[in-house]
């Protein structure tokens, strides 16, 4: 494990930009799969950063985290909690976290209970989609109404 588990299943936070959780899911389109990475503020339960790409890469997760930092501009350290996916233990991810006062946190291997926080919002997003209108050239075309940034 690259990062300790700083959350320890304590999902109650007292302010925004204290803990962000991140997860990746996939979405079926008429032209193939798209991957969606989201960063969610645990206090507000809002999506604060996201990225969608046709490949599951470290850039997918990193772009979502960059958007969160750019949009929220946190003034103190933020814990960023994820699973142990390769996107989150990449050198690029770790460097970006250090440079932006983010403290990486990873759940224990195989711990599905901690993933419920971020995963539930991603699951709601994919379940609400009833039509496969998205295409790879315009990934948000059919789902823009369901992924709103606050």
Protein backbone atom coordinates (compact mmCIF):
# COMPACT_ATOMS: atom_id res chain seq x y z
CA UNK A 1 0.00 0.00 0.00
CA UNK A 2 1.37 3.39 -1.02
CA UNK A 3 -0.72 5.48 1.40
CA UNK A 4 -2.04 4.77 4.90
CA UNK A 5 -5.75 4.55 5.58
CA UNK A 6 -6.31 8.01 7.08
CA UNK A 7 -10.10 7.71 7.03
CA UNK A 8 -10.40 4.48 9.05
CA UNK A 9 -14.13 4.24 8.18
CA UNK A 10 -14.78 7.59 9.92
CA UNK A 11 -17.02 9.16 7.29
CA UNK A 12 -18.37 11.97 9.48
CA UNK A 13 -16.53 15.20 8.76
CA UNK A 14 -17.14 18.72 10.08
CA UNK A 15 -16.25 20.93 7.13
CA UNK A 16 -15.92 21.06 3.37
CA UNK A 17 -12.52 20.22 1.89
CA UNK A 18 -11.62 17.99 4.83
CA UNK A 19 -11.98 14.61 3.08
CA UNK A 20 -12.52 13.89 -0.59
CA UNK A 21 -13.29 10.38 -1.83
CA UNK A 22 -12.59 9.26 -5.37
CA UNK A 23 -13.73 6.36 -7.49
CA UNK A 24 -13.90 5.18 -11.09
CA UNK A 25 -16.76 3.49 -12.91
CA UNK A 26 -17.46 2.60 -16.51
CA UNK A 27 -20.37 3.58 -18.72
CA UNK A 28 -21.62 1.70 -21.76
CA UNK A 29 -22.16 3.78 -24.90
CA UNK A 30 -23.18 2.84 -28.41
CA UNK A 31 -19.53 3.13 -29.42
CA UNK A 32 -17.93 1.26 -26.53
CA UNK A 33 -17.00 1.91 -22.92
CA UNK A 34 -16.21 5.23 -21.28
CA UNK A 35 -14.58 5.51 -17.89
CA UNK A 36 -15.73 8.12 -15.37
CA UNK A 37 -13.57 9.24 -12.44
CA UNK A 38 -15.16 11.42 -9.77
CA UNK A 39 -13.93 13.26 -6.69
CA UNK A 40 -16.61 13.83 -4.05
CA UNK A 41 -16.42 16.10 -1.02
CA UNK A 42 -17.45 13.92 1.91
CA UNK A 43 -18.98 16.85 3.81
CA UNK A 44 -21.12 18.35 1.05
CA UNK A 45 -21.56 15.04 -0.87
CA UNK A 46 -21.07 17.03 -4.07
CA UNK A 47 -18.96 16.03 -7.04
CA UNK A 48 -16.09 18.51 -6.99
CA UNK A 49 -14.09 17.05 -9.88
CA UNK A 50 -14.62 14.56 -12.67
CA UNK A 51 -13.07 13.22 -15.83
CA UNK A 52 -14.35 10.94 -18.58
CA UNK A 53 -12.13 9.09 -21.07
CA UNK A 54 -12.32 6.04 -23.35
CA UNK A 55 -9.37 4.43 -21.54
CA UNK A 56 -8.76 3.52 -17.93
CA UNK A 57 -5.54 5.40 -17.28
CA UNK A 58 -3.81 7.31 -14.52
CA UNK A 59 -4.63 10.54 -16.37
CA UNK A 60 -8.34 9.80 -15.91
CA UNK A 61 -8.09 9.92 -12.12
CA UNK A 62 -5.52 12.71 -12.10
CA UNK A 63 -7.65 14.98 -14.31
CA UNK A 64 -10.59 14.57 -11.91
CA UNK A 65 -8.36 15.46 -8.96
CA UNK A 66 -6.91 18.47 -10.82
CA UNK A 67 -10.44 19.73 -11.48
CA UNK A 68 -11.31 19.37 -7.79
CA UNK A 69 -8.24 21.35 -6.70
CA UNK A 70 -8.84 24.02 -9.35
CA UNK A 71 -12.52 24.41 -8.45
CA UNK A 72 -12.27 24.19 -4.64
CA UNK A 73 -8.87 25.80 -4.04
CA UNK A 74 -8.53 24.27 -0.55
CA UNK A 75 -6.62 26.40 1.96
CA UNK A 76 -5.62 23.51 4.25
CA UNK A 77 -4.68 19.86 3.83
CA UNK A 78 -7.35 17.64 2.27
CA UNK A 79 -7.41 13.87 2.73
CA UNK A 80 -8.03 12.18 -0.64
CA UNK A 81 -9.35 8.66 -0.04
CA UNK A 82 -9.35 5.97 -2.73
CA UNK A 83 -9.06 2.26 -3.27
CA UNK A 84 -5.70 0.70 -4.11
CA UNK A 85 -6.11 1.01 -7.88
CA UNK A 86 -2.97 1.61 -9.93
CA UNK A 87 -4.20 5.09 -10.89
CA UNK A 88 -3.95 6.18 -7.25
CA UNK A 89 -0.51 4.77 -6.48
CA UNK A 90 1.15 6.20 -9.59
CA UNK A 91 4.10 8.56 -9.21
CA UNK A 92 2.11 11.32 -10.97
CA UNK A 93 -0.74 11.01 -8.44
CA UNK A 94 1.63 11.07 -5.47
CA UNK A 95 3.58 14.08 -6.82
CA UNK A 96 0.39 16.03 -7.51
CA UNK A 97 -0.88 15.32 -4.00
CA UNK A 98 2.36 16.50 -2.39
CA UNK A 99 2.45 19.66 -4.52
CA UNK A 100 -1.15 20.59 -3.65
CA UNK A 101 -1.34 19.86 0.09
CA UNK A 102 -3.38 16.68 -0.42
CA UNK A 103 -2.90 13.68 1.86
CA UNK A 104 -3.47 10.41 -0.01
CA UNK A 105 -5.41 7.76 1.87
CA UNK A 106 -6.15 4.23 0.67
CA UNK A 107 -8.64 1.67 1.88
CA UNK A 108 -7.40 -1.76 2.80
CA UNK A 109 -7.31 -4.28 -0.03
CA UNK A 110 -10.68 -5.93 -0.56
CA UNK A 111 -12.53 -3.54 1.79
CA UNK A 112 -15.76 -2.91 -0.10
CA UNK A 113 -17.40 -1.10 2.85
CA UNK A 114 -15.19 1.97 2.57
CA UNK A 115 -15.88 2.24 -1.15
CA UNK A 116 -19.60 2.71 -0.50
CA UNK A 117 -19.16 6.42 0.17
CA UNK A 118 -17.90 7.40 -3.27
CA UNK A 119 -19.21 4.37 -5.09
CA UNK A 120 -22.82 5.02 -4.12
CA UNK A 121 -22.89 8.38 -5.91
CA UNK A 122 -21.22 6.92 -9.00
CA UNK A 123 -23.72 4.05 -8.95
CA UNK A 124 -26.64 6.48 -8.75
CA UNK A 125 -25.23 8.34 -11.74
CA UNK A 126 -25.02 5.20 -13.88
CA UNK A 127 -28.39 3.84 -12.74
CA UNK A 128 -30.23 7.06 -13.65
CA UNK A 129 -29.12 6.79 -17.24
CA UNK A 130 -31.81 4.95 -19.15
CA UNK A 131 -30.63 5.70 -22.67
CA UNK A 132 -27.21 4.98 -24.13
CA UNK A 133 -27.04 8.32 -25.91
CA UNK A 134 -23.41 9.07 -25.13
CA UNK A 135 -20.79 8.65 -27.74
CA UNK A 136 -17.05 8.71 -27.50
CA UNK A 137 -16.68 12.03 -29.37
CA UNK A 138 -19.21 13.76 -27.09
CA UNK A 139 -19.11 11.78 -23.83
CA UNK A 140 -21.48 13.93 -21.81
CA UNK A 141 -24.17 14.24 -24.46
CA UNK A 142 -26.70 11.94 -22.84
CA UNK A 143 -25.77 12.28 -19.21
CA UNK A 144 -25.07 15.96 -18.59
CA UNK A 145 -28.29 16.32 -16.64
CA UNK A 146 -27.18 13.74 -14.13
CA UNK A 147 -23.61 14.80 -13.42
CA UNK A 148 -23.86 18.27 -11.94
CA UNK A 149 -21.00 20.05 -10.29
CA UNK A 150 -21.79 22.21 -7.27
